[in-house]
Amino acid sequence: MSDFKFQVINPLLHSELRLKIMVALDSLKSADFMYLCQITDSTRGNVSTQITTLKEAGYIEVSKSGIGRFSRVHSRTDPNVHFLDCDEW
């Protein structure tokens, strides 16, 4: 029998949308806000709320460029956070 054990998953990541965003950012390294809305099939309001939650928890970094209505939000995983590092499993 193997000594394999799953690590405890932070309850913050139990939200399906937050988990989708983290998986996308972990594999893509970074993504534009509208692209995250598209690939998660979620509204801008829902994605925005979850990005804010993930940012406040320290999982992702967010940068904004542009002015006013035409600003672009770009997200990426924090390089110090190892979200899906299978070597640790």
Protein backbone atom coordinates (compact mmCIF):
# COMPACT_ATOMS: atom_id res chain seq x y z
CA MET A 1 0.00 0.00 0.00
CA SER A 2 1.22 3.47 -0.86
CA ASP A 3 2.00 6.21 1.65
CA PHE A 4 0.26 8.68 -0.65
CA LYS A 5 -2.01 11.23 1.08
CA PHE A 6 -3.81 14.19 -0.39
CA GLN A 7 -2.91 17.53 1.10
CA VAL A 8 -5.64 19.45 2.86
CA ILE A 9 -7.31 21.84 0.44
CA ASN A 10 -7.89 25.34 1.72
CA PRO A 11 -11.66 25.82 2.20
CA LEU A 12 -11.30 29.04 0.23
CA LEU A 13 -10.84 26.86 -2.86
CA HIS A 14 -14.03 24.86 -2.32
CA SER A 15 -15.88 27.33 -4.54
CA GLU A 16 -16.12 25.84 -8.03
CA LEU A 17 -15.48 29.19 -9.73
CA ARG A 18 -12.46 30.03 -7.55
CA LEU A 19 -11.02 26.60 -8.26
CA LYS A 20 -11.59 27.04 -12.02
CA ILE A 21 -9.83 30.42 -11.92
CA MET A 22 -6.88 28.98 -9.99
CA VAL A 23 -6.52 25.99 -12.32
CA ALA A 24 -6.66 28.30 -15.35
CA LEU A 25 -4.09 30.72 -13.93
CA ASP A 26 -1.82 27.91 -12.77
CA SER A 27 -1.72 26.37 -16.23
CA LEU A 28 -1.68 29.63 -18.21
CA LYS A 29 0.54 31.54 -15.74
CA SER A 30 -1.55 34.68 -16.41
CA ALA A 31 -4.83 35.65 -18.05
CA ASP A 32 -6.90 38.64 -19.01
CA PHE A 33 -10.11 39.22 -17.02
CA MET A 34 -12.44 38.78 -20.00
CA TYR A 35 -10.68 35.56 -20.97
CA LEU A 36 -11.29 34.19 -17.47
CA CYS A 37 -14.99 35.10 -17.82
CA GLN A 38 -15.11 33.26 -21.14
CA ILE A 39 -13.34 30.05 -20.13
CA THR A 40 -15.20 29.74 -16.81
CA ASP A 41 -18.53 30.57 -18.47
CA SER A 42 -19.23 33.07 -15.69
CA THR A 43 -20.45 36.64 -15.46
CA ARG A 44 -18.08 39.56 -15.03
CA GLY A 45 -19.55 40.25 -11.59
CA ASN A 46 -18.98 36.71 -10.36
CA VAL A 47 -15.43 36.52 -11.73
CA SER A 48 -14.61 39.93 -10.31
CA THR A 49 -15.82 38.91 -6.85
CA GLN A 50 -13.81 35.68 -6.90
CA ILE A 51 -10.66 37.40 -8.21
CA THR A 52 -10.92 39.88 -5.34
CA THR A 53 -11.29 37.03 -2.84
CA LEU A 54 -8.28 35.17 -4.29
CA LYS A 55 -6.21 38.36 -4.34
CA GLU A 56 -7.03 39.19 -0.71
CA ALA A 57 -6.08 35.63 0.29
CA GLY A 58 -2.70 36.02 -1.44
CA TYR A 59 -3.26 33.39 -4.12
CA ILE A 60 -3.09 35.72 -7.11
CA GLU A 61 -1.71 39.07 -8.20
CA VAL A 62 -3.83 41.50 -10.17
CA SER A 63 -2.67 44.36 -12.36
CA LYS A 64 -4.79 46.94 -14.15
CA SER A 65 -3.97 49.00 -17.21
CA GLY A 66 -5.90 51.61 -19.17
CA ILE A 67 -8.31 54.30 -18.10
CA GLY A 68 -11.94 54.23 -16.99
CA ARG A 69 -14.33 51.96 -18.85
CA PHE A 70 -11.55 50.63 -21.02
CA SER A 71 -9.30 49.36 -18.27
CA ARG A 72 -7.96 45.82 -18.52
CA VAL A 73 -7.50 43.55 -15.55
CA HIS A 74 -4.76 40.96 -15.78
CA SER A 75 -4.35 38.19 -13.20
CA ARG A 76 -1.65 35.66 -12.47
CA THR A 77 -0.85 33.24 -9.70
CA ASP A 78 1.49 34.55 -7.05
CA PRO A 79 4.92 33.05 -7.85
CA ASN A 80 5.38 32.26 -4.15
CA VAL A 81 2.21 30.16 -3.96
CA HIS A 82 2.44 26.56 -5.15
CA PHE A 83 -1.18 25.77 -5.86
CA LEU A 84 -0.90 22.54 -7.86
CA ASP A 85 2.64 21.39 -7.19
CA CYS A 86 2.31 17.62 -7.63
CA ASP A 87 5.88 17.06 -6.43
CA GLU A 88 4.68 17.85 -2.92
CA TRP A 89 1.95 15.16 -3.02
